[in-house]
Amino acid sequence: MSENVYGPIVTLIVGLIFVWLLVTGLKRGEMELPYFGITLSGRRNDQPIAYWAVTAVIATIAAFALLATIFQIFLPHGL
């Protein structure tokens, strides 16, 4: 299987995972970004700065992953 096929599939899956984290965090009012050694988290009510910082990190990763998917589909050989 070529990287032109599985590359966009992998980046789309990663992007959708981070979109799911973003949507569920916004609904619950608790944003959490789990990682191997550390978990970034914040609650909207009592930790607004941490909440919005984690929200910004998750939204940035999701946006970049979805943009990477689009660029891999429409520009498979780069610019």
PDB file of N, CA and C in Angstrom:
ATOM      1  N   MET A   1       0.840  -1.179   0.000  1.00  0.00           N
ATOM      2  CA  MET A   1       0.000   0.000   0.000  1.00  0.00           C
ATOM      3  C   MET A   1       0.884   1.241   0.000  1.00  0.00           C
ATOM      4  N   SER A   2       0.559   2.200  -0.798  1.00  0.00           N
ATOM      5  CA  SER A   2       1.371   3.391  -0.955  1.00  0.00           C
ATOM      6  C   SER A   2       1.121   4.392   0.166  1.00  0.00           C
ATOM      7  N   GLU A   3       2.133   5.212   0.423  1.00  0.00           N
ATOM      8  CA  GLU A   3       1.938   6.260   1.434  1.00  0.00           C
ATOM      9  C   GLU A   3       0.933   7.304   0.963  1.00  0.00           C
ATOM     10  N   ASN A   4       0.693   7.390  -0.343  1.00  0.00           N
ATOM     11  CA  ASN A   4      -0.347   8.286  -0.846  1.00  0.00           C
ATOM     12  C   ASN A   4      -1.735   7.815  -0.441  1.00  0.00           C
ATOM     13  N   VAL A   5      -1.864   6.552  -0.075  1.00  0.00           N
ATOM     14  CA  VAL A   5      -3.157   6.018   0.343  1.00  0.00           C
ATOM     15  C   VAL A   5      -3.285   6.028   1.866  1.00  0.00           C
ATOM     16  N   TYR A   6      -2.291   5.475   2.566  1.00  0.00           N
ATOM     17  CA  TYR A   6      -2.449   5.365   4.011  1.00  0.00           C
ATOM     18  C   TYR A   6      -2.082   6.642   4.762  1.00  0.00           C
ATOM     19  N   GLY A   7      -1.347   7.555   4.166  1.00  0.00           N
ATOM     20  CA  GLY A   7      -1.010   8.831   4.813  1.00  0.00           C
ATOM     21  C   GLY A   7      -2.239   9.660   5.161  1.00  0.00           C
ATOM     22  N   PRO A   8      -3.109   9.943   4.171  1.00  0.00           N
ATOM     23  CA  PRO A   8      -4.324  10.700   4.492  1.00  0.00           C
ATOM     24  C   PRO A   8      -5.259   9.964   5.448  1.00  0.00           C
ATOM     25  N   ILE A   9      -5.285   8.638   5.382  1.00  0.00           N
ATOM     26  CA  ILE A   9      -6.153   7.885   6.289  1.00  0.00           C
ATOM     27  C   ILE A   9      -5.680   8.052   7.729  1.00  0.00           C
ATOM     28  N   VAL A  10      -4.377   7.963   7.955  1.00  0.00           N
ATOM     29  CA  VAL A  10      -3.833   8.094   9.304  1.00  0.00           C
ATOM     30  C   VAL A  10      -4.039   9.511   9.834  1.00  0.00           C
ATOM     31  N   THR A  11      -3.746  10.532   9.022  1.00  0.00           N
ATOM     32  CA  THR A  11      -3.917  11.895   9.501  1.00  0.00           C
ATOM     33  C   THR A  11      -5.390  12.238   9.720  1.00  0.00           C
ATOM     34  N   LEU A  12      -6.277  11.671   8.928  1.00  0.00           N
ATOM     35  CA  LEU A  12      -7.706  11.893   9.146  1.00  0.00           C
ATOM     36  C   LEU A  12      -8.152  11.274  10.470  1.00  0.00           C
ATOM     37  N   ILE A  13      -7.683  10.073  10.756  1.00  0.00           N
ATOM     38  CA  ILE A  13      -8.036   9.419  12.021  1.00  0.00           C
ATOM     39  C   ILE A  13      -7.511  10.227  13.206  1.00  0.00           C
ATOM     40  N   VAL A  14      -6.269  10.689  13.114  1.00  0.00           N
ATOM     41  CA  VAL A  14      -5.694  11.506  14.194  1.00  0.00           C
ATOM     42  C   VAL A  14      -6.484  12.801  14.353  1.00  0.00           C
ATOM     43  N   GLY A  15      -6.815  13.449  13.250  1.00  0.00           N
ATOM     44  CA  GLY A  15      -7.599  14.677  13.311  1.00  0.00           C
ATOM     45  C   GLY A  15      -8.967  14.461  13.933  1.00  0.00           C
ATOM     46  N   LEU A  16      -9.617  13.363  13.577  1.00  0.00           N
ATOM     47  CA  LEU A  16     -10.940  13.081  14.136  1.00  0.00           C
ATOM     48  C   LEU A  16     -10.879  12.756  15.625  1.00  0.00           C
ATOM     49  N   ILE A  17      -9.811  12.120  16.050  1.00  0.00           N
ATOM     50  CA  ILE A  17      -9.644  11.848  17.486  1.00  0.00           C
ATOM     51  C   ILE A  17      -9.536  13.165  18.257  1.00  0.00           C
ATOM     52  N   PHE A  18      -8.753  14.102  17.743  1.00  0.00           N
ATOM     53  CA  PHE A  18      -8.598  15.375  18.444  1.00  0.00           C
ATOM     54  C   PHE A  18      -9.860  16.238  18.344  1.00  0.00           C
ATOM     55  N   VAL A  19     -10.600  16.151  17.255  1.00  0.00           N
ATOM     56  CA  VAL A  19     -11.891  16.844  17.175  1.00  0.00           C
ATOM     57  C   VAL A  19     -12.845  16.250  18.196  1.00  0.00           C
ATOM     58  N   TRP A  20     -12.838  14.928  18.343  1.00  0.00           N
ATOM     59  CA  TRP A  20     -13.687  14.276  19.343  1.00  0.00           C
ATOM     60  C   TRP A  20     -13.312  14.736  20.757  1.00  0.00           C
ATOM     61  N   LEU A  21     -12.001  14.820  21.062  1.00  0.00           N
ATOM     62  CA  LEU A  21     -11.569  15.314  22.361  1.00  0.00           C
ATOM     63  C   LEU A  21     -12.038  16.744  22.587  1.00  0.00           C
ATOM     64  N   LEU A  22     -11.969  17.563  21.543  1.00  0.00           N
ATOM     65  CA  LEU A  22     -12.377  18.961  21.643  1.00  0.00           C
ATOM     66  C   LEU A  22     -13.875  19.089  21.894  1.00  0.00           C
ATOM     67  N   VAL A  23     -14.672  18.372  21.134  1.00  0.00           N
ATOM     68  CA  VAL A  23     -16.135  18.465  21.276  1.00  0.00           C
ATOM     69  C   VAL A  23     -16.591  17.941  22.630  1.00  0.00           C
ATOM     70  N   THR A  24     -16.073  16.797  23.056  1.00  0.00           N
ATOM     71  CA  THR A  24     -16.501  16.256  24.353  1.00  0.00           C
ATOM     72  C   THR A  24     -16.026  17.139  25.506  1.00  0.00           C
ATOM     73  N   GLY A  25     -14.868  17.734  25.370  1.00  0.00           N
ATOM     74  CA  GLY A  25     -14.385  18.641  26.406  1.00  0.00           C
ATOM     75  C   GLY A  25     -15.213  19.907  26.500  1.00  0.00           C
ATOM     76  N   LEU A  26     -15.637  20.433  25.370  1.00  0.00           N
ATOM     77  CA  LEU A  26     -16.481  21.625  25.384  1.00  0.00           C
ATOM     78  C   LEU A  26     -17.862  21.318  25.957  1.00  0.00           C
ATOM     79  N   LYS A  27     -18.382  20.139  25.680  1.00  0.00           N
ATOM     80  CA  LYS A  27     -19.696  19.757  26.221  1.00  0.00           C
ATOM     81  C   LYS A  27     -19.654  19.577  27.732  1.00  0.00           C
ATOM     82  N   ARG A  28     -18.614  18.902  28.227  1.00  0.00           N
ATOM     83  CA  ARG A  28     -18.524  18.590  29.654  1.00  0.00           C
ATOM     84  C   ARG A  28     -18.038  19.763  30.495  1.00  0.00           C
ATOM     85  N   GLY A  29     -17.324  20.685  29.894  1.00  0.00           N
ATOM     86  CA  GLY A  29     -16.727  21.765  30.666  1.00  0.00           C
ATOM     87  C   GLY A  29     -15.407  21.373  31.302  1.00  0.00           C
ATOM     88  N   GLU A  30     -14.891  20.211  30.925  1.00  0.00           N
ATOM     89  CA  GLU A  30     -13.587  19.735  31.400  1.00  0.00           C
ATOM     90  C   GLU A  30     -12.758  19.308  30.195  1.00  0.00           C
ATOM     91  N   MET A  31     -11.672  19.998  29.984  1.00  0.00           N
ATOM     92  CA  MET A  31     -10.817  19.675  28.848  1.00  0.00           C
ATOM     93  C   MET A  31      -9.646  18.853  29.362  1.00  0.00           C
ATOM     94  N   GLU A  32      -9.339  17.761  28.658  1.00  0.00           N
ATOM     95  CA  GLU A  32      -8.259  16.876  29.091  1.00  0.00           C
ATOM     96  C   GLU A  32      -7.506  16.375  27.872  1.00  0.00           C
ATOM     97  N   LEU A  33      -6.196  16.469  27.946  1.00  0.00           N
ATOM     98  CA  LEU A  33      -5.325  15.957  26.897  1.00  0.00           C
ATOM     99  C   LEU A  33      -4.409  14.908  27.513  1.00  0.00           C
ATOM    100  N   PRO A  34      -4.796  13.627  27.422  1.00  0.00           N
ATOM    101  CA  PRO A  34      -3.965  12.577  28.028  1.00  0.00           C
ATOM    102  C   PRO A  34      -2.691  12.339  27.215  1.00  0.00           C
ATOM    103  N   TYR A  35      -1.628  12.058  27.913  1.00  0.00           N
ATOM    104  CA  TYR A  35      -0.351  11.754  27.295  1.00  0.00           C
ATOM    105  C   TYR A  35       0.334  10.708  28.158  1.00  0.00           C
ATOM    106  N   PHE A  36       1.414  10.119  27.694  1.00  0.00           N
ATOM    107  CA  PHE A  36       2.058   9.030  28.409  1.00  0.00           C
ATOM    108  C   PHE A  36       2.522   9.429  29.805  1.00  0.00           C
ATOM    109  N   GLY A  37       3.228  10.535  29.917  1.00  0.00           N
ATOM    110  CA  GLY A  37       3.801  10.898  31.205  1.00  0.00           C
ATOM    111  C   GLY A  37       3.030  11.950  31.959  1.00  0.00           C
ATOM    112  N   ILE A  38       2.222  12.738  31.265  1.00  0.00           N
ATOM    113  CA  ILE A  38       1.526  13.856  31.891  1.00  0.00           C
ATOM    114  C   ILE A  38       0.157  14.010  31.238  1.00  0.00           C
ATOM    115  N   THR A  39      -0.796  14.480  31.999  1.00  0.00           N
ATOM    116  CA  THR A  39      -2.113  14.765  31.454  1.00  0.00           C
ATOM    117  C   THR A  39      -2.410  16.239  31.675  1.00  0.00           C
ATOM    118  N   LEU A  40      -2.610  16.976  30.588  1.00  0.00           N
ATOM    119  CA  LEU A  40      -2.994  18.375  30.701  1.00  0.00           C
ATOM    120  C   LEU A  40      -4.504  18.429  30.865  1.00  0.00           C
ATOM    121  N   SER A  41      -4.973  19.177  31.853  1.00  0.00           N
ATOM    122  CA  SER A  41      -6.407  19.245  32.071  1.00  0.00           C
ATOM    123  C   SER A  41      -6.779  20.582  32.688  1.00  0.00           C
ATOM    124  N   GLY A  42      -8.061  20.904  32.583  1.00  0.00           N
ATOM    125  CA  GLY A  42      -8.588  22.122  33.179  1.00  0.00           C
ATOM    126  C   GLY A  42     -10.102  22.094  33.159  1.00  0.00           C
ATOM    127  N   ARG A  43     -10.697  22.718  34.170  1.00  0.00           N
ATOM    128  CA  ARG A  43     -12.145  22.826  34.238  1.00  0.00           C
ATOM    129  C   ARG A  43     -12.549  24.263  33.971  1.00  0.00           C
ATOM    130  N   ARG A  44     -13.643  24.437  33.247  1.00  0.00           N
ATOM    131  CA  ARG A  44     -14.074  25.764  32.834  1.00  0.00           C
ATOM    132  C   ARG A  44     -14.447  26.636  34.024  1.00  0.00           C
ATOM    133  N   ASN A  45     -15.059  26.067  35.052  1.00  0.00           N
ATOM    134  CA  ASN A  45     -15.568  26.862  36.166  1.00  0.00           C
ATOM    135  C   ASN A  45     -14.469  27.398  37.081  1.00  0.00           C
ATOM    136  N   ASP A  46     -13.550  26.555  37.510  1.00  0.00           N
ATOM    137  CA  ASP A  46     -12.567  27.005  38.488  1.00  0.00           C
ATOM    138  C   ASP A  46     -11.135  27.106  37.951  1.00  0.00           C
ATOM    139  N   GLN A  47     -10.873  26.644  36.727  1.00  0.00           N
ATOM    140  CA  GLN A  47      -9.541  26.757  36.126  1.00  0.00           C
ATOM    141  C   GLN A  47      -9.666  27.261  34.684  1.00  0.00           C
ATOM    142  N   PRO A  48     -10.163  28.476  34.483  1.00  0.00           N
ATOM    143  CA  PRO A  48     -10.433  28.918  33.105  1.00  0.00           C
ATOM    144  C   PRO A  48      -9.175  29.069  32.240  1.00  0.00           C
ATOM    145  N   ILE A  49      -8.065  29.484  32.822  1.00  0.00           N
ATOM    146  CA  ILE A  49      -6.847  29.669  32.014  1.00  0.00           C
ATOM    147  C   ILE A  49      -6.312  28.319  31.551  1.00  0.00           C
ATOM    148  N   ALA A  50      -6.270  27.353  32.450  1.00  0.00           N
ATOM    149  CA  ALA A  50      -5.810  26.012  32.063  1.00  0.00           C
ATOM    150  C   ALA A  50      -6.771  25.383  31.064  1.00  0.00           C
ATOM    151  N   TYR A  51      -8.066  25.592  31.273  1.00  0.00           N
ATOM    152  CA  TYR A  51      -9.077  25.046  30.362  1.00  0.00           C
ATOM    153  C   TYR A  51      -8.884  25.578  28.948  1.00  0.00           C
ATOM    154  N   TRP A  52      -8.758  26.892  28.816  1.00  0.00           N
ATOM    155  CA  TRP A  52      -8.626  27.467  27.474  1.00  0.00           C
ATOM    156  C   TRP A  52      -7.250  27.197  26.866  1.00  0.00           C
ATOM    157  N   ALA A  53      -6.220  27.029  27.697  1.00  0.00           N
ATOM    158  CA  ALA A  53      -4.902  26.674  27.163  1.00  0.00           C
ATOM    159  C   ALA A  53      -4.928  25.256  26.578  1.00  0.00           C
ATOM    160  N   VAL A  54      -5.528  24.319  27.291  1.00  0.00           N
ATOM    161  CA  VAL A  54      -5.634  22.947  26.784  1.00  0.00           C
ATOM    162  C   VAL A  54      -6.550  22.917  25.559  1.00  0.00           C
ATOM    163  N   THR A  55      -7.608  23.719  25.579  1.00  0.00           N
ATOM    164  CA  THR A  55      -8.494  23.815  24.412  1.00  0.00           C
ATOM    165  C   THR A  55      -7.731  24.307  23.190  1.00  0.00           C
ATOM    166  N   ALA A  56      -6.885  25.309  23.378  1.00  0.00           N
ATOM    167  CA  ALA A  56      -6.099  25.840  22.260  1.00  0.00           C
ATOM    168  C   ALA A  56      -5.120  24.792  21.715  1.00  0.00           C
ATOM    169  N   VAL A  57      -4.504  24.025  22.603  1.00  0.00           N
ATOM    170  CA  VAL A  57      -3.565  22.981  22.157  1.00  0.00           C
ATOM    171  C   VAL A  57      -4.298  21.909  21.351  1.00  0.00           C
ATOM    172  N   ILE A  58      -5.428  21.447  21.866  1.00  0.00           N
ATOM    173  CA  ILE A  58      -6.184  20.402  21.169  1.00  0.00           C
ATOM    174  C   ILE A  58      -6.716  20.913  19.833  1.00  0.00           C
ATOM    175  N   ALA A  59      -7.229  22.146  19.819  1.00  0.00           N
ATOM    176  CA  ALA A  59      -7.761  22.712  18.571  1.00  0.00           C
ATOM    177  C   ALA A  59      -6.659  22.899  17.531  1.00  0.00           C
ATOM    178  N   THR A  60      -5.475  23.298  17.961  1.00  0.00           N
ATOM    179  CA  THR A  60      -4.350  23.469  17.035  1.00  0.00           C
ATOM    180  C   THR A  60      -3.931  22.133  16.433  1.00  0.00           C
ATOM    181  N   ILE A  61      -3.816  21.111  17.253  1.00  0.00           N
ATOM    182  CA  ILE A  61      -3.433  19.790  16.748  1.00  0.00           C
ATOM    183  C   ILE A  61      -4.491  19.261  15.779  1.00  0.00           C
ATOM    184  N   ALA A  62      -5.770  19.433  16.123  1.00  0.00           N
ATOM    185  CA  ALA A  62      -6.855  18.966  15.255  1.00  0.00           C
ATOM    186  C   ALA A  62      -6.833  19.709  13.916  1.00  0.00           C
ATOM    187  N   ALA A  63      -6.650  21.013  13.960  1.00  0.00           N
ATOM    188  CA  ALA A  63      -6.629  21.800  12.719  1.00  0.00           C
ATOM    189  C   ALA A  63      -5.452  21.399  11.832  1.00  0.00           C
ATOM    190  N   PHE A  64      -4.272  21.228  12.432  1.00  0.00           N
ATOM    191  CA  PHE A  64      -3.109  20.836  11.638  1.00  0.00           C
ATOM    192  C   PHE A  64      -3.267  19.437  11.044  1.00  0.00           C
ATOM    193  N   ALA A  65      -3.846  18.517  11.798  1.00  0.00           N
ATOM    194  CA  ALA A  65      -4.043  17.160  11.286  1.00  0.00           C
ATOM    195  C   ALA A  65      -5.044  17.161  10.129  1.00  0.00           C
ATOM    196  N   LEU A  66      -6.119  17.930  10.261  1.00  0.00           N
ATOM    197  CA  LEU A  66      -7.095  17.987   9.173  1.00  0.00           C
ATOM    198  C   LEU A  66      -6.535  18.712   7.949  1.00  0.00           C
ATOM    199  N   LEU A  67      -5.735  19.759   8.166  1.00  0.00           N
ATOM    200  CA  LEU A  67      -5.074  20.422   7.038  1.00  0.00           C
ATOM    201  C   LEU A  67      -4.073  19.490   6.360  1.00  0.00           C
ATOM    202  N   ALA A  68      -3.359  18.706   7.141  1.00  0.00           N
ATOM    203  CA  ALA A  68      -2.420  17.741   6.563  1.00  0.00           C
ATOM    204  C   ALA A  68      -3.147  16.724   5.704  1.00  0.00           C
ATOM    205  N   THR A  69      -4.334  16.307   6.153  1.00  0.00           N
ATOM    206  CA  THR A  69      -5.127  15.368   5.362  1.00  0.00           C
ATOM    207  C   THR A  69      -5.520  15.980   4.024  1.00  0.00           C
ATOM    208  N   ILE A  70      -5.995  17.207   4.064  1.00  0.00           N
ATOM    209  CA  ILE A  70      -6.417  17.890   2.832  1.00  0.00           C
ATOM    210  C   ILE A  70      -5.236  18.082   1.890  1.00  0.00           C
ATOM    211  N   PHE A  71      -4.095  18.523   2.430  1.00  0.00           N
ATOM    212  CA  PHE A  71      -2.926  18.731   1.581  1.00  0.00           C
ATOM    213  C   PHE A  71      -2.401  17.427   0.994  1.00  0.00           C
ATOM    214  N   GLN A  72      -2.478  16.336   1.743  1.00  0.00           N
ATOM    215  CA  GLN A  72      -2.017  15.054   1.218  1.00  0.00           C
ATOM    216  C   GLN A  72      -2.923  14.542   0.104  1.00  0.00           C
ATOM    217  N   ILE A  73      -4.189  14.864   0.186  1.00  0.00           N
ATOM    218  CA  ILE A  73      -5.120  14.421  -0.860  1.00  0.00           C
ATOM    219  C   ILE A  73      -4.951  15.241  -2.124  1.00  0.00           C
ATOM    220  N   PHE A  74      -4.906  16.573  -1.981  1.00  0.00           N
ATOM    221  CA  PHE A  74      -4.892  17.450  -3.157  1.00  0.00           C
ATOM    222  C   PHE A  74      -3.499  17.789  -3.663  1.00  0.00           C
ATOM    223  N   LEU A  75      -2.480  17.652  -2.836  1.00  0.00           N
ATOM    224  CA  LEU A  75      -1.095  17.897  -3.263  1.00  0.00           C
ATOM    225  C   LEU A  75      -0.223  16.706  -2.876  1.00  0.00           C
ATOM    226  N   PRO A  76      -0.404  15.565  -3.497  1.00  0.00           N
ATOM    227  CA  PRO A  76       0.307  14.362  -3.058  1.00  0.00           C
ATOM    228  C   PRO A  76       1.820  14.419  -3.282  1.00  0.00           C
ATOM    229  N   HIS A  77       2.289  15.274  -4.162  1.00  0.00           N
ATOM    230  CA  HIS A  77       3.717  15.363  -4.443  1.00  0.00           C
ATOM    231  C   HIS A  77       4.329  16.615  -3.853  1.00  0.00           C
ATOM    232  N   GLY A  78       3.605  17.322  -2.988  1.00  0.00           N
ATOM    233  CA  GLY A  78       4.096  18.532  -2.359  1.00  0.00           C
ATOM    234  C   GLY A  78       3.848  19.760  -3.228  1.00  0.00           C
ATOM    235  N   LEU A  79       4.385  20.876  -2.789  1.00  0.00           N
ATOM    236  CA  LEU A  79       4.219  22.118  -3.551  1.00  0.00           C
ATOM    237  C   LEU A  79       5.174  22.109  -4.690  1.00  0.00           C
TER     238      LEU A  79
END
